[in-house]
Amino acid sequence: MLTATVKLYKNAFRGLTSRIWLLSAVMLVNRAGTMVLPFMTLYCTQARGFSYSQAGWAVGFYGLGSLAGAFVGGKLTDKFGFYYIQFLSLFCGGIMFLVLGQMHNYTAFIVCVFCLSMVNEAFRPANATAISHYSTAQNRTQSFH
C-alpha cells in the first residue's frame, strides 16, 4: 500500500527539473513562516497581554500587509527579477520575525506585523514567476502543484 502510494506520487511529478524542486523547497520554507499566524492570537493575548480585540486587529493587519506585499512583490519582481525578490523576502522575513519578538508596545507590534506580512508575501509573486520561468509548457501546471 505504501509503496504504491510512493510510486503514484513519483509518477505524478516525474519530469520536473531540479530547479522546480528547489523552488518548491524554498516555498516550503517561506510557508513555514506563515505557520505563526494561527498562533498569533495566543501570542498576543497570553505572551504580550494584549486584549482579544487587539489580537484580532493584529491578525487583520497581517492580512492587509499580505495584500500589499503580494502587489508590491509583483511590481518589484517585474522591475528587479524573481531571484533578488525571493532572496530579499526570505532574508528580511527572518529578520522581521526576530524584530517582532522584541516588540512590546502595541502600536509598534502592529506596524511590525504589517511589515512582516508584507515582506513575507512579496515572495509569492516572485516564486510563481520563477516557477513559470523554469518550467516548460508541458509541465507548467504540474510545477505549480
N, C-alpha and C. Protein backbone atom coordinates (compact mmCIF):
# COMPACT_ATOMS: atom_id res chain seq x y z
N MET A 1 0.83 -1.19 0.00
CA MET A 1 0.00 0.00 0.00
C MET A 1 0.87 1.26 0.00
N LEU A 2 1.86 1.30 0.91
CA LEU A 2 2.72 2.48 0.99
C LEU A 2 3.59 2.62 -0.25
N THR A 3 4.11 1.53 -0.74
CA THR A 3 4.94 1.60 -1.95
C THR A 3 4.12 2.03 -3.16
N ALA A 4 2.88 1.61 -3.22
CA ALA A 4 2.01 2.03 -4.32
C ALA A 4 1.75 3.54 -4.25
N THR A 5 1.58 4.05 -3.04
CA THR A 5 1.36 5.48 -2.87
C THR A 5 2.59 6.27 -3.26
N VAL A 6 3.76 5.81 -2.85
CA VAL A 6 5.01 6.48 -3.20
C VAL A 6 5.22 6.45 -4.71
N LYS A 7 4.92 5.33 -5.33
CA LYS A 7 5.07 5.20 -6.78
C LYS A 7 4.12 6.15 -7.51
N LEU A 8 2.89 6.24 -7.04
CA LEU A 8 1.92 7.15 -7.62
C LEU A 8 2.39 8.60 -7.51
N TYR A 9 2.93 8.95 -6.34
CA TYR A 9 3.45 10.30 -6.12
C TYR A 9 4.61 10.60 -7.06
N LYS A 10 5.54 9.66 -7.17
CA LYS A 10 6.70 9.85 -8.05
C LYS A 10 6.26 10.02 -9.51
N ASN A 11 5.32 9.21 -9.94
CA ASN A 11 4.84 9.30 -11.31
C ASN A 11 4.12 10.62 -11.58
N ALA A 12 3.43 11.13 -10.59
CA ALA A 12 2.70 12.38 -10.76
C ALA A 12 3.63 13.56 -11.00
N PHE A 13 4.83 13.51 -10.40
CA PHE A 13 5.75 14.63 -10.51
C PHE A 13 7.00 14.31 -11.31
N ARG A 14 6.96 13.24 -12.06
CA ARG A 14 8.09 12.87 -12.91
C ARG A 14 8.26 13.92 -14.01
N GLY A 15 9.47 14.24 -14.32
CA GLY A 15 9.73 15.19 -15.39
C GLY A 15 9.99 16.61 -14.91
N LEU A 16 9.81 16.86 -13.62
CA LEU A 16 10.11 18.19 -13.10
C LEU A 16 11.62 18.34 -12.92
N THR A 17 12.12 19.50 -13.25
CA THR A 17 13.56 19.73 -13.13
C THR A 17 13.96 19.94 -11.68
N SER A 18 15.25 19.84 -11.43
CA SER A 18 15.75 20.05 -10.07
C SER A 18 15.52 21.48 -9.61
N ARG A 19 15.48 22.41 -10.54
CA ARG A 19 15.21 23.81 -10.16
C ARG A 19 13.78 23.98 -9.65
N ILE A 20 12.85 23.28 -10.24
CA ILE A 20 11.47 23.33 -9.76
C ILE A 20 11.38 22.74 -8.37
N TRP A 21 12.07 21.63 -8.13
CA TRP A 21 12.07 21.02 -6.80
C TRP A 21 12.71 21.96 -5.78
N LEU A 22 13.77 22.65 -6.17
CA LEU A 22 14.42 23.61 -5.28
C LEU A 22 13.48 24.77 -4.96
N LEU A 23 12.80 25.27 -5.97
CA LEU A 23 11.84 26.35 -5.75
C LEU A 23 10.71 25.90 -4.83
N SER A 24 10.30 24.65 -4.96
CA SER A 24 9.26 24.11 -4.08
C SER A 24 9.75 24.03 -2.64
N ALA A 25 11.00 23.64 -2.46
CA ALA A 25 11.57 23.58 -1.11
C ALA A 25 11.69 24.98 -0.51
N VAL A 26 12.07 25.94 -1.33
CA VAL A 26 12.18 27.32 -0.85
C VAL A 26 10.80 27.84 -0.47
N MET A 27 9.78 27.49 -1.26
CA MET A 27 8.43 27.91 -0.92
C MET A 27 7.97 27.28 0.39
N LEU A 28 8.36 26.05 0.64
CA LEU A 28 8.02 25.39 1.90
C LEU A 28 8.62 26.15 3.08
N VAL A 29 9.85 26.62 2.94
CA VAL A 29 10.48 27.42 4.00
C VAL A 29 9.69 28.70 4.22
N ASN A 30 9.31 29.36 3.14
CA ASN A 30 8.53 30.59 3.26
C ASN A 30 7.18 30.34 3.91
N ARG A 31 6.50 29.30 3.49
CA ARG A 31 5.18 29.00 4.05
C ARG A 31 5.27 28.54 5.50
N ALA A 32 6.39 27.97 5.90
CA ALA A 32 6.57 27.59 7.31
C ALA A 32 6.52 28.82 8.20
N GLY A 33 7.00 29.94 7.70
CA GLY A 33 6.91 31.18 8.46
C GLY A 33 5.48 31.64 8.66
N THR A 34 4.61 31.28 7.75
CA THR A 34 3.20 31.66 7.86
C THR A 34 2.49 30.86 8.95
N MET A 35 3.12 29.80 9.41
CA MET A 35 2.51 28.98 10.47
C MET A 35 2.38 29.74 11.79
N VAL A 36 2.99 30.90 11.90
CA VAL A 36 2.83 31.68 13.12
C VAL A 36 1.43 32.29 13.20
N LEU A 37 0.80 32.48 12.06
CA LEU A 37 -0.50 33.15 12.04
C LEU A 37 -1.56 32.49 12.91
N PRO A 38 -1.74 31.16 12.87
CA PRO A 38 -2.76 30.58 13.74
C PRO A 38 -2.47 30.78 15.24
N PHE A 39 -1.22 30.98 15.56
CA PHE A 39 -0.84 31.13 16.97
C PHE A 39 -0.68 32.59 17.38
N MET A 40 -0.88 33.51 16.45
CA MET A 40 -0.66 34.92 16.75
C MET A 40 -1.61 35.43 17.83
N THR A 41 -2.87 35.02 17.79
CA THR A 41 -3.80 35.50 18.81
C THR A 41 -3.40 34.99 20.19
N LEU A 42 -2.95 33.74 20.27
CA LEU A 42 -2.47 33.23 21.56
C LEU A 42 -1.24 34.00 22.03
N TYR A 43 -0.32 34.27 21.13
CA TYR A 43 0.88 35.01 21.47
C TYR A 43 0.53 36.42 21.95
N CYS A 44 -0.40 37.06 21.22
CA CYS A 44 -0.80 38.43 21.59
C CYS A 44 -1.46 38.47 22.96
N THR A 45 -2.37 37.55 23.21
CA THR A 45 -3.14 37.61 24.45
C THR A 45 -2.38 37.03 25.64
N GLN A 46 -1.66 35.96 25.44
CA GLN A 46 -1.00 35.30 26.58
C GLN A 46 0.41 35.79 26.83
N ALA A 47 1.21 35.92 25.79
CA ALA A 47 2.61 36.32 25.99
C ALA A 47 2.77 37.83 26.09
N ARG A 48 1.96 38.57 25.35
CA ARG A 48 2.10 40.03 25.33
C ARG A 48 1.04 40.75 26.16
N GLY A 49 0.00 40.06 26.55
CA GLY A 49 -1.02 40.67 27.39
C GLY A 49 -1.96 41.61 26.67
N PHE A 50 -2.06 41.50 25.36
CA PHE A 50 -2.99 42.32 24.61
C PHE A 50 -4.40 41.76 24.77
N SER A 51 -5.40 42.61 24.54
CA SER A 51 -6.79 42.16 24.63
C SER A 51 -7.13 41.31 23.40
N TYR A 52 -8.28 40.64 23.47
CA TYR A 52 -8.72 39.84 22.32
C TYR A 52 -8.99 40.73 21.11
N SER A 53 -9.52 41.91 21.36
CA SER A 53 -9.77 42.85 20.28
C SER A 53 -8.46 43.28 19.62
N GLN A 54 -7.46 43.58 20.44
CA GLN A 54 -6.16 43.96 19.89
C GLN A 54 -5.53 42.80 19.11
N ALA A 55 -5.70 41.59 19.60
CA ALA A 55 -5.18 40.42 18.89
C ALA A 55 -5.87 40.27 17.53
N GLY A 56 -7.17 40.51 17.50
CA GLY A 56 -7.91 40.45 16.24
C GLY A 56 -7.43 41.50 15.25
N TRP A 57 -7.15 42.70 15.74
CA TRP A 57 -6.61 43.74 14.88
C TRP A 57 -5.23 43.35 14.35
N ALA A 58 -4.44 42.69 15.17
CA ALA A 58 -3.11 42.25 14.73
C ALA A 58 -3.23 41.27 13.57
N VAL A 59 -4.16 40.33 13.67
CA VAL A 59 -4.37 39.37 12.59
C VAL A 59 -4.90 40.10 11.35
N GLY A 60 -5.76 41.08 11.55
CA GLY A 60 -6.27 41.88 10.44
C GLY A 60 -5.17 42.64 9.72
N PHE A 61 -4.26 43.21 10.50
CA PHE A 61 -3.13 43.92 9.89
C PHE A 61 -2.19 42.96 9.16
N TYR A 62 -2.10 41.73 9.64
CA TYR A 62 -1.33 40.72 8.91
C TYR A 62 -1.95 40.51 7.53
N GLY A 63 -3.27 40.43 7.48
CA GLY A 63 -3.95 40.26 6.19
C GLY A 63 -3.76 41.45 5.27
N LEU A 64 -3.84 42.66 5.81
CA LEU A 64 -3.62 43.85 4.99
C LEU A 64 -2.20 43.89 4.45
N GLY A 65 -1.25 43.55 5.29
CA GLY A 65 0.15 43.50 4.85
C GLY A 65 0.36 42.46 3.77
N SER A 66 -0.36 41.34 3.88
CA SER A 66 -0.25 40.29 2.87
C SER A 66 -0.75 40.77 1.52
N LEU A 67 -1.87 41.47 1.52
CA LEU A 67 -2.40 42.01 0.27
C LEU A 67 -1.42 43.00 -0.35
N ALA A 68 -0.93 43.91 0.47
CA ALA A 68 0.01 44.91 -0.03
C ALA A 68 1.31 44.25 -0.49
N GLY A 69 1.78 43.26 0.25
CA GLY A 69 3.02 42.59 -0.10
C GLY A 69 2.95 41.85 -1.41
N ALA A 70 1.82 41.21 -1.68
CA ALA A 70 1.67 40.50 -2.95
C ALA A 70 1.69 41.48 -4.11
N PHE A 71 1.03 42.61 -3.95
CA PHE A 71 1.01 43.63 -5.00
C PHE A 71 2.41 44.21 -5.22
N VAL A 72 3.03 44.64 -4.12
CA VAL A 72 4.37 45.24 -4.22
C VAL A 72 5.39 44.21 -4.70
N GLY A 73 5.26 42.98 -4.22
CA GLY A 73 6.17 41.92 -4.66
C GLY A 73 6.09 41.68 -6.16
N GLY A 74 4.89 41.74 -6.70
CA GLY A 74 4.73 41.59 -8.15
C GLY A 74 5.39 42.71 -8.92
N LYS A 75 5.19 43.93 -8.45
CA LYS A 75 5.81 45.09 -9.11
C LYS A 75 7.34 45.02 -9.02
N LEU A 76 7.85 44.66 -7.83
CA LEU A 76 9.30 44.57 -7.65
C LEU A 76 9.90 43.43 -8.47
N THR A 77 9.16 42.33 -8.60
CA THR A 77 9.62 41.21 -9.42
C THR A 77 9.73 41.64 -10.88
N ASP A 78 8.75 42.40 -11.35
CA ASP A 78 8.81 42.90 -12.72
C ASP A 78 10.03 43.80 -12.93
N LYS A 79 10.36 44.57 -11.91
CA LYS A 79 11.44 45.55 -12.04
C LYS A 79 12.83 44.94 -11.82
N PHE A 80 12.99 44.08 -10.80
CA PHE A 80 14.31 43.60 -10.41
C PHE A 80 14.55 42.11 -10.70
N GLY A 81 13.51 41.37 -10.98
CA GLY A 81 13.67 39.94 -11.24
C GLY A 81 13.32 39.09 -10.03
N PHE A 82 12.96 37.84 -10.31
CA PHE A 82 12.46 36.96 -9.25
C PHE A 82 13.53 36.52 -8.27
N TYR A 83 14.76 36.36 -8.72
CA TYR A 83 15.80 35.86 -7.83
C TYR A 83 16.03 36.80 -6.65
N TYR A 84 16.21 38.07 -6.95
CA TYR A 84 16.51 39.05 -5.90
C TYR A 84 15.36 39.22 -4.93
N ILE A 85 14.15 39.24 -5.44
CA ILE A 85 12.99 39.45 -4.58
C ILE A 85 12.77 38.24 -3.67
N GLN A 86 12.95 37.03 -4.19
CA GLN A 86 12.83 35.84 -3.33
C GLN A 86 13.88 35.87 -2.23
N PHE A 87 15.11 36.17 -2.59
CA PHE A 87 16.19 36.20 -1.60
C PHE A 87 15.92 37.26 -0.54
N LEU A 88 15.61 38.48 -0.97
CA LEU A 88 15.36 39.56 -0.01
C LEU A 88 14.16 39.28 0.87
N SER A 89 13.12 38.70 0.29
CA SER A 89 11.93 38.39 1.07
C SER A 89 12.23 37.37 2.16
N LEU A 90 12.95 36.32 1.82
CA LEU A 90 13.29 35.31 2.83
C LEU A 90 14.23 35.87 3.89
N PHE A 91 15.24 36.59 3.47
CA PHE A 91 16.22 37.15 4.41
C PHE A 91 15.57 38.18 5.33
N CYS A 92 14.87 39.13 4.74
CA CYS A 92 14.23 40.19 5.54
C CYS A 92 13.08 39.63 6.39
N GLY A 93 12.39 38.63 5.88
CA GLY A 93 11.32 38.00 6.66
C GLY A 93 11.86 37.37 7.93
N GLY A 94 13.00 36.69 7.83
CA GLY A 94 13.63 36.11 9.01
C GLY A 94 14.01 37.17 10.03
N ILE A 95 14.56 38.27 9.54
CA ILE A 95 14.92 39.38 10.44
C ILE A 95 13.67 39.96 11.09
N MET A 96 12.61 40.10 10.30
CA MET A 96 11.38 40.69 10.84
C MET A 96 10.77 39.81 11.93
N PHE A 97 10.90 38.50 11.82
CA PHE A 97 10.41 37.63 12.89
C PHE A 97 11.19 37.87 14.17
N LEU A 98 12.48 38.07 14.06
CA LEU A 98 13.29 38.38 15.24
C LEU A 98 12.90 39.72 15.84
N VAL A 99 12.66 40.70 14.99
CA VAL A 99 12.25 42.03 15.46
C VAL A 99 10.88 41.96 16.12
N LEU A 100 9.97 41.19 15.54
CA LEU A 100 8.62 41.07 16.10
C LEU A 100 8.65 40.56 17.53
N GLY A 101 9.54 39.65 17.83
CA GLY A 101 9.65 39.13 19.18
C GLY A 101 10.11 40.16 20.20
N GLN A 102 10.67 41.26 19.72
CA GLN A 102 11.16 42.31 20.62
C GLN A 102 10.15 43.44 20.81
N MET A 103 9.05 43.40 20.11
CA MET A 103 8.05 44.46 20.18
C MET A 103 7.14 44.27 21.39
N HIS A 104 7.13 45.26 22.28
CA HIS A 104 6.28 45.19 23.47
C HIS A 104 5.16 46.23 23.43
N ASN A 105 5.38 47.30 22.71
CA ASN A 105 4.37 48.33 22.54
C ASN A 105 3.39 47.87 21.47
N TYR A 106 2.09 48.06 21.73
CA TYR A 106 1.07 47.55 20.81
C TYR A 106 1.18 48.18 19.42
N THR A 107 1.35 49.48 19.35
CA THR A 107 1.43 50.15 18.05
C THR A 107 2.64 49.66 17.27
N ALA A 108 3.77 49.54 17.93
CA ALA A 108 4.98 49.03 17.27
C ALA A 108 4.77 47.59 16.82
N PHE A 109 4.06 46.82 17.63
CA PHE A 109 3.78 45.42 17.29
C PHE A 109 2.94 45.34 16.02
N ILE A 110 1.90 46.16 15.94
CA ILE A 110 1.01 46.16 14.77
C ILE A 110 1.78 46.57 13.51
N VAL A 111 2.59 47.61 13.63
CA VAL A 111 3.38 48.06 12.48
C VAL A 111 4.33 46.95 12.03
N CYS A 112 4.94 46.29 12.99
CA CYS A 112 5.87 45.20 12.68
C CYS A 112 5.14 44.02 12.04
N VAL A 113 3.96 43.70 12.51
CA VAL A 113 3.16 42.61 11.92
C VAL A 113 2.83 42.95 10.47
N PHE A 114 2.42 44.18 10.23
CA PHE A 114 2.09 44.61 8.87
C PHE A 114 3.32 44.49 7.96
N CYS A 115 4.45 45.00 8.42
CA CYS A 115 5.69 44.95 7.62
C CYS A 115 6.15 43.51 7.40
N LEU A 116 6.05 42.69 8.44
CA LEU A 116 6.44 41.29 8.33
C LEU A 116 5.62 40.57 7.27
N SER A 117 4.31 40.75 7.32
CA SER A 117 3.47 40.06 6.34
C SER A 117 3.69 40.60 4.93
N MET A 118 3.96 41.89 4.84
CA MET A 118 4.23 42.49 3.54
C MET A 118 5.51 41.90 2.94
N VAL A 119 6.54 41.79 3.75
CA VAL A 119 7.82 41.23 3.29
C VAL A 119 7.65 39.75 2.93
N ASN A 120 6.96 39.00 3.78
CA ASN A 120 6.78 37.57 3.52
C ASN A 120 5.97 37.31 2.26
N GLU A 121 4.94 38.08 2.03
CA GLU A 121 4.08 37.83 0.88
C GLU A 121 4.66 38.37 -0.42
N ALA A 122 5.66 39.22 -0.35
CA ALA A 122 6.34 39.67 -1.58
C ALA A 122 7.03 38.49 -2.26
N PHE A 123 7.26 37.45 -1.49
CA PHE A 123 7.91 36.24 -2.01
C PHE A 123 7.05 35.52 -3.04
N ARG A 124 5.76 35.50 -2.83
CA ARG A 124 4.88 34.64 -3.64
C ARG A 124 4.86 34.98 -5.13
N PRO A 125 4.68 36.24 -5.53
CA PRO A 125 4.71 36.51 -6.98
C PRO A 125 6.08 36.22 -7.60
N ALA A 126 7.15 36.47 -6.83
CA ALA A 126 8.49 36.19 -7.34
C ALA A 126 8.68 34.69 -7.53
N ASN A 127 8.19 33.90 -6.59
CA ASN A 127 8.32 32.45 -6.69
C ASN A 127 7.48 31.91 -7.85
N ALA A 128 6.28 32.44 -8.02
CA ALA A 128 5.43 31.99 -9.13
C ALA A 128 6.08 32.34 -10.47
N THR A 129 6.71 33.50 -10.55
CA THR A 129 7.40 33.88 -11.77
C THR A 129 8.58 32.95 -12.04
N ALA A 130 9.31 32.60 -10.98
CA ALA A 130 10.44 31.68 -11.13
C ALA A 130 9.98 30.31 -11.60
N ILE A 131 8.89 29.83 -11.03
CA ILE A 131 8.35 28.53 -11.46
C ILE A 131 7.94 28.58 -12.93
N SER A 132 7.30 29.66 -13.34
CA SER A 132 6.93 29.81 -14.75
C SER A 132 8.16 29.86 -15.64
N HIS A 133 9.20 30.50 -15.16
CA HIS A 133 10.43 30.63 -15.95
C HIS A 133 11.13 29.28 -16.14
N TYR A 134 11.20 28.50 -15.09
CA TYR A 134 11.97 27.25 -15.13
C TYR A 134 11.15 26.03 -15.57
N SER A 135 9.86 26.18 -15.73
CA SER A 135 9.05 25.05 -16.18
C SER A 135 8.85 25.15 -17.69
N THR A 136 8.44 24.05 -18.26
CA THR A 136 8.12 24.03 -19.69
C THR A 136 6.61 24.14 -19.85
N ALA A 137 6.18 24.36 -21.07
CA ALA A 137 4.74 24.45 -21.32
C ALA A 137 4.05 23.13 -20.97
N GLN A 138 4.75 22.02 -21.14
CA GLN A 138 4.16 20.71 -20.87
C GLN A 138 4.01 20.42 -19.38
N ASN A 139 4.89 20.95 -18.55
CA ASN A 139 4.80 20.63 -17.12
C ASN A 139 4.53 21.83 -16.22
N ARG A 140 4.07 22.92 -16.80
CA ARG A 140 3.84 24.14 -16.01
C ARG A 140 2.76 23.93 -14.95
N THR A 141 1.64 23.35 -15.31
CA THR A 141 0.58 23.09 -14.33
C THR A 141 1.08 22.16 -13.24
N GLN A 142 1.78 21.14 -13.64
CA GLN A 142 2.36 20.18 -12.70
C GLN A 142 3.37 20.86 -11.77
N SER A 143 4.11 21.83 -12.28
CA SER A 143 5.12 22.54 -11.49
C SER A 143 4.49 23.37 -10.39
N PHE A 144 3.31 23.87 -10.61
CA PHE A 144 2.64 24.70 -9.61
C PHE A 144 1.97 23.88 -8.52
N HIS A 145 1.87 22.58 -8.71
CA HIS A 145 1.26 21.74 -7.68
C HIS A 145 2.34 21.22 -6.81
